Amino acid sequence: MSIPWCKFLTCLPLWAILIAQCGQSWLFYTQLTELPTYMNNILHFDIVSNARLSALPYLTAWIAGIIISIFADWLLAKGWISRLASMKLWNTVAAFVPAFGLLGIAWAGCDRTAVMLLLSITSAFGGAVYAGNSSCSSSHYTSPLRDTESIR
């Protein structure tokens, strides 16, 4: 079986997934590299507190990612949502909730508690990306792309 590269390159759903994943990855790595500096210079956390609290958003993303993935699988098993709708739902949640949360962080200013709470909540919802990405696993390319007419 040959791989339909031309169809992949002209497939709008593929490009939508690619752009969304690049944006989510950019946010993740920007936050990963800049969060300790932000916490030190803006929120004035000492280095020990900074180290512990810098890990908190990633801990919440990990825990929420597992819980949301279990919930997404349960919805799929019950037949209440299709695989394609699940991928769209959880990737949308993982993209927009953290985006609005980051705007909230900008308005929170130097309120340490509000910023840490918003960072943890937005990162938890960012963990929904794992449920969205796991919905696309398939042995034959990817299921969301396979479900579109442009790849068939």
Protein backbone atom coordinates (compact mmCIF):
# COMPACT_ATOMS: atom_id res chain seq x y z
CA MET A 1 0.00 0.00 0.00
CA SER A 2 1.46 3.35 -0.98
CA ILE A 3 1.18 6.39 1.24
CA PRO A 4 -0.95 9.18 -0.31
CA TRP A 5 1.48 12.05 0.35
CA CYS A 6 -0.24 14.50 -2.02
CA LYS A 7 -3.57 13.95 -0.28
CA PHE A 8 -1.91 14.49 3.10
CA LEU A 9 -0.35 17.77 1.96
CA THR A 10 -3.67 19.09 0.64
CA CYS A 11 -5.78 17.87 3.55
CA LEU A 12 -7.20 20.81 5.57
CA PRO A 13 -7.92 18.71 8.70
CA LEU A 14 -4.27 17.62 8.72
CA TRP A 15 -3.10 21.23 8.56
CA ALA A 16 -5.55 22.20 11.32
CA ILE A 17 -4.14 19.47 13.56
CA LEU A 18 -0.56 20.46 12.68
CA ILE A 19 -1.13 24.14 13.46
CA ALA A 20 -2.95 23.35 16.72
CA GLN A 21 -0.21 20.97 17.86
CA CYS A 22 2.53 23.48 16.99
CA GLY A 23 0.73 26.17 18.98
CA GLN A 24 0.25 23.88 21.97
CA SER A 25 3.88 22.78 21.84
CA TRP A 26 5.06 26.38 21.58
CA LEU A 27 3.02 27.32 24.65
CA PHE A 28 4.25 24.30 26.60
CA TYR A 29 7.94 24.91 25.93
CA THR A 30 7.69 28.68 26.38
CA GLN A 31 6.04 28.14 29.75
CA LEU A 32 8.55 25.43 30.64
CA THR A 33 11.54 27.66 29.98
CA GLU A 34 10.16 31.02 31.16
CA LEU A 35 8.05 30.08 34.19
CA PRO A 36 10.93 29.93 36.70
CA THR A 37 12.20 33.33 35.54
CA TYR A 38 8.69 34.81 35.74
CA MET A 39 8.19 33.40 39.22
CA ASN A 40 11.53 34.77 40.40
CA ASN A 41 11.50 38.21 38.77
CA ILE A 42 7.79 39.09 38.77
CA LEU A 43 6.22 37.08 41.59
CA HIS A 44 9.38 37.22 43.76
CA PHE A 45 9.37 33.59 44.86
CA ASP A 46 12.60 32.38 46.44
CA ILE A 47 14.52 29.67 44.57
CA VAL A 48 13.24 26.76 46.70
CA SER A 49 9.59 27.85 46.47
CA ASN A 50 10.12 28.63 42.81
CA ALA A 51 11.33 25.10 42.08
CA ARG A 52 8.39 23.46 43.82
CA LEU A 53 5.75 25.80 42.44
CA SER A 54 7.18 25.71 38.91
CA ALA A 55 6.40 21.99 38.88
CA LEU A 56 2.80 22.47 40.01
CA PRO A 57 1.31 23.34 36.57
CA TYR A 58 2.93 20.26 35.05
CA LEU A 59 1.70 18.07 37.88
CA THR A 60 -1.86 19.31 37.39
CA ALA A 61 -1.58 18.77 33.62
CA TRP A 62 -0.38 15.21 34.17
CA ILE A 63 -3.12 14.34 36.66
CA ALA A 64 -5.89 16.05 34.67
CA GLY A 65 -4.61 14.49 31.45
CA ILE A 66 -5.06 11.03 32.94
CA ILE A 67 -8.51 11.81 34.36
CA ILE A 68 -9.74 13.51 31.17
CA SER A 69 -8.38 10.64 29.04
CA ILE A 70 -10.27 8.11 31.17
CA PHE A 71 -13.42 10.24 30.85
CA ALA A 72 -12.92 10.58 27.07
CA ASP A 73 -12.52 6.80 26.74
CA TRP A 74 -15.66 6.29 28.82
CA LEU A 75 -17.62 8.65 26.52
CA LEU A 76 -16.32 6.75 23.49
CA ALA A 77 -17.15 3.36 25.03
CA LYS A 78 -20.72 4.50 25.79
CA GLY A 79 -21.06 5.69 22.21
CA TRP A 80 -22.03 9.19 23.35
CA ILE A 81 -19.36 10.81 21.21
CA SER A 82 -17.56 9.79 18.04
CA ARG A 83 -13.80 9.43 17.85
CA LEU A 84 -13.55 12.47 15.60
CA ALA A 85 -15.79 14.59 17.86
CA SER A 86 -13.74 13.48 20.88
CA MET A 87 -10.51 14.57 19.25
CA LYS A 88 -12.00 17.92 18.30
CA LEU A 89 -13.55 18.47 21.72
CA TRP A 90 -10.47 17.71 23.81
CA ASN A 91 -8.03 19.52 21.54
CA THR A 92 -10.34 22.55 21.61
CA VAL A 93 -10.53 22.42 25.42
CA ALA A 94 -6.74 22.03 25.59
CA ALA A 95 -6.21 25.04 23.32
CA PHE A 96 -8.79 27.60 24.42
CA VAL A 97 -9.04 27.19 28.20
CA PRO A 98 -5.27 27.70 28.68
CA ALA A 99 -5.34 30.64 26.23
CA PHE A 100 -8.04 32.41 28.25
CA GLY A 101 -6.26 31.44 31.46
CA LEU A 102 -3.06 33.11 30.27
CA LEU A 103 -5.04 36.28 29.62
CA GLY A 104 -6.32 36.01 33.18
CA ILE A 105 -2.76 35.68 34.43
CA ALA A 106 -1.85 38.91 32.66
CA TRP A 107 -4.73 40.68 34.43
CA ALA A 108 -3.88 39.11 37.80
CA GLY A 109 -0.66 41.10 37.86
CA CYS A 110 1.56 40.22 40.80
CA ASP A 111 -1.06 38.43 42.89
CA ARG A 112 0.93 35.26 43.62
CA THR A 113 -2.05 33.15 44.70
CA ALA A 114 -4.22 34.11 41.72
CA VAL A 115 -1.39 33.54 39.24
CA MET A 116 -0.47 30.13 40.67
CA LEU A 117 -4.13 29.09 40.76
CA LEU A 118 -4.68 30.21 37.17
CA LEU A 119 -1.46 28.52 36.02
CA SER A 120 -2.50 25.26 37.66
CA ILE A 121 -6.06 25.36 36.32
CA THR A 122 -5.03 26.29 32.78
CA SER A 123 -2.36 23.61 32.77
CA ALA A 124 -4.87 21.06 34.01
CA PHE A 125 -7.15 21.82 31.08
CA GLY A 126 -4.08 21.80 28.81
CA GLY A 127 -3.75 18.15 29.85
CA ALA A 128 -6.87 17.49 27.75
CA VAL A 129 -4.55 17.44 24.75
CA TYR A 130 -3.59 13.89 25.72
CA ALA A 131 -7.21 12.77 25.40
CA GLY A 132 -7.47 14.58 22.07
CA ASN A 133 -4.27 13.11 20.71
CA SER A 134 -5.01 9.57 21.87
CA SER A 135 -8.28 9.75 19.94
CA CYS A 136 -6.28 9.84 16.74
CA SER A 137 -4.37 6.60 17.19
CA SER A 138 -4.92 4.14 14.41
CA SER A 139 -2.95 1.54 12.57
CA HIS A 140 -4.03 3.05 9.25
CA TYR A 141 -2.71 6.62 9.21
CA THR A 142 -4.91 8.46 11.72
CA SER A 143 -8.59 8.05 12.44
CA PRO A 144 -9.65 11.73 12.28
CA LEU A 145 -7.98 12.08 8.92
CA ARG A 146 -9.32 8.75 7.73
CA ASP A 147 -12.83 9.92 8.69
CA THR A 148 -12.60 12.86 6.29
CA GLU A 149 -13.43 12.60 2.63
CA SER A 150 -10.21 14.29 1.52
CA ILE A 151 -8.00 11.32 2.45
CA ARG A 152 -10.19 8.50 1.16
